[in-house]
């Protein structure tokens, strides 16, 4: 399970700048703007949000195994061995 949490800290390297919310057709959307003071925090936030997004994707079906080769209707050809009595 993926999650992402926000908490308030006056000295944090990531600060909440603004947020808004809207509802339409029974669905609600929250838009959050976050300011990062270091490139590391910026990258970390993007990675964590990517994990959340990946966790919400439907599971992929396992790859199908290749079908077994069907048996031929004809028997295999006989080996072309010399007749032992023809020397």
PDB file of N, CA and C in Angstrom:
ATOM      1  N   UNK A   1       0.847  -1.172   0.000  1.00  0.00           N
ATOM      2  CA  UNK A   1       0.000   0.000   0.000  1.00  0.00           C
ATOM      3  C   UNK A   1       0.892   1.234   0.000  1.00  0.00           C
ATOM      4  N   UNK A   2       0.570   2.189  -0.827  1.00  0.00           N
ATOM      5  CA  UNK A   2       1.327   3.433  -0.896  1.00  0.00           C
ATOM      6  C   UNK A   2       0.560   4.529  -0.181  1.00  0.00           C
ATOM      7  N   UNK A   3       1.292   5.436   0.402  1.00  0.00           N
ATOM      8  CA  UNK A   3       0.656   6.580   1.051  1.00  0.00           C
ATOM      9  C   UNK A   3       1.576   7.786   0.973  1.00  0.00           C
ATOM     10  N   UNK A   4       1.001   8.925   1.206  1.00  0.00           N
ATOM     11  CA  UNK A   4       1.755  10.171   1.212  1.00  0.00           C
ATOM     12  C   UNK A   4       1.157  11.014   2.317  1.00  0.00           C
ATOM     13  N   UNK A   5       1.979  11.543   3.197  1.00  0.00           N
ATOM     14  CA  UNK A   5       1.441  12.332   4.303  1.00  0.00           C
ATOM     15  C   UNK A   5       2.086  13.711   4.338  1.00  0.00           C
ATOM     16  N   UNK A   6       1.332  14.665   4.830  1.00  0.00           N
ATOM     17  CA  UNK A   6       1.804  16.037   5.011  1.00  0.00           C
ATOM     18  C   UNK A   6       1.649  16.388   6.482  1.00  0.00           C
ATOM     19  N   UNK A   7       2.589  17.129   7.000  1.00  0.00           N
ATOM     20  CA  UNK A   7       2.474  17.602   8.373  1.00  0.00           C
ATOM     21  C   UNK A   7       3.136  18.966   8.461  1.00  0.00           C
ATOM     22  N   UNK A   8       2.760  19.723   9.450  1.00  0.00           N
ATOM     23  CA  UNK A   8       3.278  21.081   9.584  1.00  0.00           C
ATOM     24  C   UNK A   8       4.522  21.136  10.454  1.00  0.00           C
ATOM     25  N   UNK A   9       5.529  21.854   9.998  1.00  0.00           N
ATOM     26  CA  UNK A   9       6.767  22.071  10.746  1.00  0.00           C
ATOM     27  C   UNK A   9       7.345  23.393  10.241  1.00  0.00           C
ATOM     28  N   UNK A  10       7.495  24.387  11.104  1.00  0.00           N
ATOM     29  CA  UNK A  10       7.971  25.692  10.638  1.00  0.00           C
ATOM     30  C   UNK A  10       9.361  25.655  10.009  1.00  0.00           C
ATOM     31  N   UNK A  11      10.185  24.676  10.356  1.00  0.00           N
ATOM     32  CA  UNK A  11      11.544  24.595   9.823  1.00  0.00           C
ATOM     33  C   UNK A  11      11.675  23.560   8.704  1.00  0.00           C
ATOM     34  N   UNK A  12      10.581  23.071   8.190  1.00  0.00           N
ATOM     35  CA  UNK A  12      10.621  21.999   7.191  1.00  0.00           C
ATOM     36  C   UNK A  12      11.194  22.497   5.866  1.00  0.00           C
ATOM     37  N   UNK A  13      11.833  21.562   5.143  1.00  0.00           N
ATOM     38  CA  UNK A  13      12.372  21.882   3.817  1.00  0.00           C
ATOM     39  C   UNK A  13      11.275  21.877   2.762  1.00  0.00           C
ATOM     40  N   UNK A  14      10.101  21.381   3.127  1.00  0.00           N
ATOM     41  CA  UNK A  14       8.935  21.420   2.242  1.00  0.00           C
ATOM     42  C   UNK A  14       7.838  22.161   2.989  1.00  0.00           C
ATOM     43  N   UNK A  15       7.273  23.172   2.331  1.00  0.00           N
ATOM     44  CA  UNK A  15       6.251  23.990   2.990  1.00  0.00           C
ATOM     45  C   UNK A  15       5.007  24.060   2.119  1.00  0.00           C
ATOM     46  N   UNK A  16       3.867  23.984   2.761  1.00  0.00           N
ATOM     47  CA  UNK A  16       2.594  24.107   2.076  1.00  0.00           C
ATOM     48  C   UNK A  16       2.390  25.566   1.688  1.00  0.00           C
ATOM     49  N   UNK A  17       2.258  25.821   0.392  1.00  0.00           N
ATOM     50  CA  UNK A  17       2.054  27.192  -0.091  1.00  0.00           C
ATOM     51  C   UNK A  17       0.568  27.511  -0.210  1.00  0.00           C
ATOM     52  N   UNK A  18      -0.195  26.601  -0.802  1.00  0.00           N
ATOM     53  CA  UNK A  18      -1.631  26.843  -0.953  1.00  0.00           C
ATOM     54  C   UNK A  18      -2.342  25.526  -1.239  1.00  0.00           C
ATOM     55  N   UNK A  19      -3.654  25.559  -1.080  1.00  0.00           N
ATOM     56  CA  UNK A  19      -4.465  24.404  -1.443  1.00  0.00           C
ATOM     57  C   UNK A  19      -5.869  24.889  -1.786  1.00  0.00           C
ATOM     58  N   UNK A  20      -6.515  24.151  -2.663  1.00  0.00           N
ATOM     59  CA  UNK A  20      -7.892  24.439  -3.048  1.00  0.00           C
ATOM     60  C   UNK A  20      -8.628  23.125  -3.200  1.00  0.00           C
ATOM     61  N   UNK A  21      -9.928  23.198  -3.164  1.00  0.00           N
ATOM     62  CA  UNK A  21     -10.745  22.010  -3.353  1.00  0.00           C
ATOM     63  C   UNK A  21     -11.971  22.337  -4.186  1.00  0.00           C
ATOM     64  N   UNK A  22     -12.352  21.419  -5.043  1.00  0.00           N
ATOM     65  CA  UNK A  22     -13.556  21.572  -5.856  1.00  0.00           C
ATOM     66  C   UNK A  22     -14.290  20.239  -5.904  1.00  0.00           C
ATOM     67  N   UNK A  23     -15.599  20.325  -6.098  1.00  0.00           N
ATOM     68  CA  UNK A  23     -16.424  19.122  -6.260  1.00  0.00           C
ATOM     69  C   UNK A  23     -17.245  19.273  -7.525  1.00  0.00           C
ATOM     70  N   UNK A  24     -17.322  18.180  -8.293  1.00  0.00           N
ATOM     71  CA  UNK A  24     -18.091  18.197  -9.527  1.00  0.00           C
ATOM     72  C   UNK A  24     -18.542  16.774  -9.829  1.00  0.00           C
ATOM     73  N   UNK A  25     -19.815  16.621 -10.101  1.00  0.00           N
ATOM     74  CA  UNK A  25     -20.383  15.318 -10.456  1.00  0.00           C
ATOM     75  C   UNK A  25     -20.074  14.242  -9.418  1.00  0.00           C
ATOM     76  N   UNK A  26     -20.112  14.587  -8.163  1.00  0.00           N
ATOM     77  CA  UNK A  26     -19.897  13.611  -7.106  1.00  0.00           C
ATOM     78  C   UNK A  26     -18.445  13.287  -6.802  1.00  0.00           C
ATOM     79  N   UNK A  27     -17.507  13.909  -7.511  1.00  0.00           N
ATOM     80  CA  UNK A  27     -16.083  13.678  -7.247  1.00  0.00           C
ATOM     81  C   UNK A  27     -15.469  14.967  -6.729  1.00  0.00           C
ATOM     82  N   UNK A  28     -14.572  14.830  -5.781  1.00  0.00           N
ATOM     83  CA  UNK A  28     -13.889  15.989  -5.208  1.00  0.00           C
ATOM     84  C   UNK A  28     -12.416  15.939  -5.561  1.00  0.00           C
ATOM     85  N   UNK A  29     -11.848  17.109  -5.822  1.00  0.00           N
ATOM     86  CA  UNK A  29     -10.436  17.215  -6.185  1.00  0.00           C
ATOM     87  C   UNK A  29      -9.780  18.218  -5.250  1.00  0.00           C
ATOM     88  N   UNK A  30      -8.639  17.829  -4.703  1.00  0.00           N
ATOM     89  CA  UNK A  30      -7.840  18.719  -3.860  1.00  0.00           C
ATOM     90  C   UNK A  30      -6.554  19.025  -4.613  1.00  0.00           C
ATOM     91  N   UNK A  31      -6.248  20.286  -4.777  1.00  0.00           N
ATOM     92  CA  UNK A  31      -4.994  20.708  -5.415  1.00  0.00           C
ATOM     93  C   UNK A  31      -4.113  21.305  -4.325  1.00  0.00           C
ATOM     94  N   UNK A  32      -2.896  20.796  -4.267  1.00  0.00           N
ATOM     95  CA  UNK A  32      -1.956  21.208  -3.221  1.00  0.00           C
ATOM     96  C   UNK A  32      -0.700  21.756  -3.882  1.00  0.00           C
ATOM     97  N   UNK A  33      -0.242  22.908  -3.426  1.00  0.00           N
ATOM     98  CA  UNK A  33       1.014  23.489  -3.912  1.00  0.00           C
ATOM     99  C   UNK A  33       2.021  23.458  -2.767  1.00  0.00           C
ATOM    100  N   UNK A  34       3.171  22.823  -3.033  1.00  0.00           N
ATOM    101  CA  UNK A  34       4.213  22.652  -2.020  1.00  0.00           C
ATOM    102  C   UNK A  34       5.496  23.292  -2.530  1.00  0.00           C
ATOM    103  N   UNK A  35       6.163  24.025  -1.662  1.00  0.00           N
ATOM    104  CA  UNK A  35       7.449  24.644  -2.004  1.00  0.00           C
ATOM    105  C   UNK A  35       8.564  23.828  -1.347  1.00  0.00           C
ATOM    106  N   UNK A  36       9.577  23.484  -2.130  1.00  0.00           N
ATOM    107  CA  UNK A  36      10.720  22.716  -1.627  1.00  0.00           C
ATOM    108  C   UNK A  36      11.940  23.626  -1.598  1.00  0.00           C
ATOM    109  N   UNK A  37      12.656  23.611  -0.480  1.00  0.00           N
ATOM    110  CA  UNK A  37      13.822  24.494  -0.362  1.00  0.00           C
ATOM    111  C   UNK A  37      15.117  23.825  -0.821  1.00  0.00           C
ATOM    112  N   UNK A  38      15.086  22.512  -1.043  1.00  0.00           N
ATOM    113  CA  UNK A  38      16.290  21.821  -1.522  1.00  0.00           C
ATOM    114  C   UNK A  38      15.922  20.905  -2.690  1.00  0.00           C
ATOM    115  N   UNK A  39      16.849  20.710  -3.614  1.00  0.00           N
ATOM    116  CA  UNK A  39      16.585  19.781  -4.723  1.00  0.00           C
ATOM    117  C   UNK A  39      16.321  18.356  -4.231  1.00  0.00           C
ATOM    118  N   UNK A  40      16.967  17.968  -3.140  1.00  0.00           N
ATOM    119  CA  UNK A  40      16.768  16.625  -2.611  1.00  0.00           C
ATOM    120  C   UNK A  40      15.320  16.424  -2.181  1.00  0.00           C
ATOM    121  N   UNK A  41      14.763  17.391  -1.458  1.00  0.00           N
ATOM    122  CA  UNK A  41      13.366  17.289  -1.010  1.00  0.00           C
ATOM    123  C   UNK A  41      12.410  17.289  -2.198  1.00  0.00           C
ATOM    124  N   UNK A  42      12.735  18.084  -3.208  1.00  0.00           N
ATOM    125  CA  UNK A  42      11.919  18.133  -4.420  1.00  0.00           C
ATOM    126  C   UNK A  42      11.878  16.748  -5.072  1.00  0.00           C
ATOM    127  N   UNK A  43      13.053  16.137  -5.242  1.00  0.00           N
ATOM    128  CA  UNK A  43      13.125  14.803  -5.839  1.00  0.00           C
ATOM    129  C   UNK A  43      12.428  13.757  -4.989  1.00  0.00           C
ATOM    130  N   UNK A  44      12.617  13.853  -3.674  1.00  0.00           N
ATOM    131  CA  UNK A  44      11.986  12.913  -2.750  1.00  0.00           C
ATOM    132  C   UNK A  44      10.463  12.991  -2.872  1.00  0.00           C
ATOM    133  N   UNK A  45       9.927  14.193  -2.893  1.00  0.00           N
ATOM    134  CA  UNK A  45       8.476  14.367  -2.988  1.00  0.00           C
ATOM    135  C   UNK A  45       7.949  13.767  -4.292  1.00  0.00           C
ATOM    136  N   UNK A  46       8.656  14.009  -5.389  1.00  0.00           N
ATOM    137  CA  UNK A  46       8.216  13.460  -6.675  1.00  0.00           C
ATOM    138  C   UNK A  46       8.274  11.935  -6.678  1.00  0.00           C
ATOM    139  N   UNK A  47       9.321  11.363  -6.084  1.00  0.00           N
ATOM    140  CA  UNK A  47       9.423   9.899  -6.006  1.00  0.00           C
ATOM    141  C   UNK A  47       8.279   9.315  -5.185  1.00  0.00           C
ATOM    142  N   UNK A  48       7.986   9.926  -4.050  1.00  0.00           N
ATOM    143  CA  UNK A  48       6.918   9.426  -3.191  1.00  0.00           C
ATOM    144  C   UNK A  48       5.558   9.546  -3.873  1.00  0.00           C
ATOM    145  N   UNK A  49       5.323  10.652  -4.563  1.00  0.00           N
ATOM    146  CA  UNK A  49       4.065  10.806  -5.293  1.00  0.00           C
ATOM    147  C   UNK A  49       3.970   9.778  -6.420  1.00  0.00           C
ATOM    148  N   UNK A  50       5.090   9.468  -7.049  1.00  0.00           N
ATOM    149  CA  UNK A  50       5.111   8.431  -8.082  1.00  0.00           C
ATOM    150  C   UNK A  50       4.751   7.074  -7.508  1.00  0.00           C
ATOM    151  N   UNK A  51       5.225   6.777  -6.297  1.00  0.00           N
ATOM    152  CA  UNK A  51       4.886   5.508  -5.639  1.00  0.00           C
ATOM    153  C   UNK A  51       3.391   5.434  -5.350  1.00  0.00           C
ATOM    154  N   UNK A  52       2.823   6.556  -4.913  1.00  0.00           N
ATOM    155  CA  UNK A  52       1.384   6.586  -4.657  1.00  0.00           C
ATOM    156  C   UNK A  52       0.628   6.300  -5.952  1.00  0.00           C
ATOM    157  N   UNK A  53       1.040   6.959  -7.022  1.00  0.00           N
ATOM    158  CA  UNK A  53       0.381   6.764  -8.312  1.00  0.00           C
ATOM    159  C   UNK A  53       0.525   5.317  -8.789  1.00  0.00           C
ATOM    160  N   UNK A  54       1.708   4.732  -8.637  1.00  0.00           N
ATOM    161  CA  UNK A  54       1.925   3.337  -9.033  1.00  0.00           C
ATOM    162  C   UNK A  54       1.058   2.388  -8.212  1.00  0.00           C
ATOM    163  N   UNK A  55       0.901   2.691  -6.921  1.00  0.00           N
ATOM    164  CA  UNK A  55       0.090   1.847  -6.048  1.00  0.00           C
ATOM    165  C   UNK A  55      -1.387   1.870  -6.405  1.00  0.00           C
ATOM    166  N   UNK A  56      -1.824   2.897  -7.113  1.00  0.00           N
ATOM    167  CA  UNK A  56      -3.233   3.015  -7.480  1.00  0.00           C
ATOM    168  C   UNK A  56      -3.542   2.392  -8.834  1.00  0.00           C
ATOM    169  N   UNK A  57      -2.530   1.981  -9.574  1.00  0.00           N
ATOM    170  CA  UNK A  57      -2.751   1.364 -10.880  1.00  0.00           C
ATOM    171  C   UNK A  57      -3.263  -0.059 -10.673  1.00  0.00           C
ATOM    172  N   UNK A  58      -4.139  -0.529 -11.564  1.00  0.00           N
ATOM    173  CA  UNK A  58      -4.603  -1.918 -11.433  1.00  0.00           C
ATOM    174  C   UNK A  58      -3.450  -2.892 -11.646  1.00  0.00           C
ATOM    175  N   UNK A  59      -3.539  -4.018 -10.965  1.00  0.00           N
ATOM    176  CA  UNK A  59      -2.497  -5.042 -11.080  1.00  0.00           C
ATOM    177  C   UNK A  59      -2.486  -5.593 -12.499  1.00  0.00           C
ATOM    178  N   UNK A  60      -1.292  -5.811 -13.022  1.00  0.00           N
ATOM    179  CA  UNK A  60      -1.158  -6.393 -14.355  1.00  0.00           C
ATOM    180  C   UNK A  60      -1.403  -7.893 -14.271  1.00  0.00           C
ATOM    181  N   UNK A  61      -2.042  -8.427 -15.304  1.00  0.00           N
ATOM    182  CA  UNK A  61      -2.263  -9.871 -15.379  1.00  0.00           C
ATOM    183  C   UNK A  61      -0.920 -10.553 -15.624  1.00  0.00           C
ATOM    184  N   UNK A  62      -0.705 -11.727 -15.034  1.00  0.00           N
ATOM    185  CA  UNK A  62       0.568 -12.423 -15.276  1.00  0.00           C
ATOM    186  C   UNK A  62       0.699 -12.764 -16.758  1.00  0.00           C
ATOM    187  N   UNK A  63       1.918 -12.767 -17.273  1.00  0.00           N
ATOM    188  CA  UNK A  63       2.088 -13.067 -18.701  1.00  0.00           C
ATOM    189  C   UNK A  63       1.610 -14.478 -19.013  1.00  0.00           C
ATOM    190  N   UNK A  64       0.991 -14.612 -20.169  1.00  0.00           N
ATOM    191  CA  UNK A  64       0.488 -15.921 -20.580  1.00  0.00           C
ATOM    192  C   UNK A  64       1.645 -16.803 -21.020  1.00  0.00           C
ATOM    193  N   UNK A  65       1.533 -18.083 -20.682  1.00  0.00           N
ATOM    194  CA  UNK A  65       2.551 -19.041 -21.110  1.00  0.00           C
ATOM    195  C   UNK A  65       2.321 -19.348 -22.587  1.00  0.00           C
ATOM    196  N   UNK A  66       3.391 -19.541 -23.347  1.00  0.00           N
ATOM    197  CA  UNK A  66       3.197 -19.865 -24.764  1.00  0.00           C
ATOM    198  C   UNK A  66       2.488 -21.212 -24.906  1.00  0.00           C
ATOM    199  N   UNK A  67       1.662 -21.303 -25.912  1.00  0.00           N
ATOM    200  CA  UNK A  67       0.914 -22.540 -26.153  1.00  0.00           C
ATOM    201  C   UNK A  67       1.873 -23.656 -26.549  1.00  0.00           C
ATOM    202  N   UNK A  68       1.557 -24.855 -26.092  1.00  0.00           N
ATOM    203  CA  UNK A  68       2.385 -26.007 -26.450  1.00  0.00           C
ATOM    204  C   UNK A  68       2.189 -26.314 -27.929  1.00  0.00           C
ATOM    205  N   UNK A  69       3.243 -26.807 -28.550  1.00  0.00           N
ATOM    206  CA  UNK A  69       3.160 -27.168 -29.967  1.00  0.00           C
ATOM    207  C   UNK A  69       2.204 -28.348 -30.119  1.00  0.00           C
ATOM    208  N   UNK A  70       1.326 -28.244 -31.086  1.00  0.00           N
ATOM    209  CA  UNK A  70       0.370 -29.322 -31.329  1.00  0.00           C
ATOM    210  C   UNK A  70       1.085 -30.489 -32.011  1.00  0.00           C
ATOM    211  N   UNK A  71       0.655 -31.691 -31.676  1.00  0.00           N
ATOM    212  CA  UNK A  71       1.236 -32.887 -32.296  1.00  0.00           C
ATOM    213  C   UNK A  71       0.834 -32.932 -33.765  1.00  0.00           C
ATOM    214  N   UNK A  72       1.767 -33.348 -34.596  1.00  0.00           N
ATOM    215  CA  UNK A  72       1.484 -33.474 -36.023  1.00  0.00           C
ATOM    216  C   UNK A  72       0.594 -34.685 -36.267  1.00  0.00           C
ATOM    217  N   UNK A  73      -0.237 -34.627 -37.299  1.00  0.00           N
ATOM    218  CA  UNK A  73      -1.126 -35.736 -37.630  1.00  0.00           C
ATOM    219  C   UNK A  73      -0.349 -36.909 -38.220  1.00  0.00           C
ATOM    220  N   UNK A  74       0.784 -36.636 -38.848  1.00  0.00           N
ATOM    221  CA  UNK A  74       1.586 -37.691 -39.463  1.00  0.00           C
ATOM    222  C   UNK A  74       2.634 -38.185 -38.478  1.00  0.00           C
ATOM    223  N   UNK A  75       2.990 -39.483 -38.553  1.00  0.00           N
ATOM    224  CA  UNK A  75       4.065 -39.967 -37.688  1.00  0.00           C
ATOM    225  C   UNK A  75       5.397 -39.395 -38.171  1.00  0.00           C
ATOM    226  N   UNK A  76       6.401 -39.350 -37.309  1.00  0.00           N
ATOM    227  CA  UNK A  76       7.695 -38.815 -37.739  1.00  0.00           C
ATOM    228  C   UNK A  76       8.312 -39.721 -38.803  1.00  0.00           C
ATOM    229  N   UNK A  77       9.107 -39.177 -39.710  1.00  0.00           N
ATOM    230  CA  UNK A  77       9.717 -40.011 -40.759  1.00  0.00           C
ATOM    231  C   UNK A  77      10.691 -41.013 -40.148  1.00  0.00           C
ATOM    232  N   UNK A  78      10.821 -42.174 -40.815  1.00  0.00           N
ATOM    233  CA  UNK A  78      11.743 -43.200 -40.335  1.00  0.00           C
ATOM    234  C   UNK A  78      13.171 -42.764 -40.610  1.00  0.00           C
ATOM    235  N   UNK A  79      14.069 -43.223 -39.756  1.00  0.00           N
ATOM    236  CA  UNK A  79      15.482 -42.901 -39.931  1.00  0.00           C
ATOM    237  C   UNK A  79      16.024 -43.626 -41.159  1.00  0.00           C
ATOM    238  N   UNK A  80      16.910 -43.010 -41.890  1.00  0.00           N
ATOM    239  CA  UNK A  80      17.492 -43.590 -43.107  1.00  0.00           C
ATOM    240  C   UNK A  80      18.774 -44.347 -42.747  1.00  0.00           C
ATOM    241  N   UNK A  81      18.632 -45.431 -41.988  1.00  0.00           N
ATOM    242  CA  UNK A  81      19.783 -46.247 -41.599  1.00  0.00           C
ATOM    243  C   UNK A  81      20.005 -47.342 -42.651  1.00  0.00           C
ATOM    244  N   UNK A  82      21.245 -47.700 -42.923  1.00  0.00           N
ATOM    245  CA  UNK A  82      21.496 -48.770 -43.901  1.00  0.00           C
ATOM    246  C   UNK A  82      21.012 -50.115 -43.367  1.00  0.00           C
ATOM    247  N   UNK A  83      20.586 -50.976 -44.286  1.00  0.00           N
ATOM    248  CA  UNK A  83      20.130 -52.314 -43.934  1.00  0.00           C
ATOM    249  C   UNK A  83      21.356 -53.146 -43.570  1.00  0.00           C
ATOM    250  N   UNK A  84      21.404 -53.792 -42.396  1.00  0.00           N
ATOM    251  CA  UNK A  84      22.593 -54.530 -41.979  1.00  0.00           C
ATOM    252  C   UNK A  84      22.945 -55.689 -42.913  1.00  0.00           C
ATOM    253  N   UNK A  85      22.030 -56.215 -43.694  1.00  0.00           N
ATOM    254  CA  UNK A  85      22.329 -57.340 -44.576  1.00  0.00           C
ATOM    255  C   UNK A  85      22.844 -56.910 -45.942  1.00  0.00           C
ATOM    256  N   UNK A  86      23.079 -55.632 -46.215  1.00  0.00           N
ATOM    257  CA  UNK A  86      23.495 -55.171 -47.541  1.00  0.00           C
ATOM    258  C   UNK A  86      24.974 -54.839 -47.605  1.00  0.00           C
ATOM    259  N   UNK A  87      25.816 -55.343 -46.835  1.00  0.00           N
ATOM    260  CA  UNK A  87      27.255 -55.014 -46.905  1.00  0.00           C
ATOM    261  C   UNK A  87      27.920 -55.692 -47.990  1.00  0.00           C
TER     262      UNK A  87
END
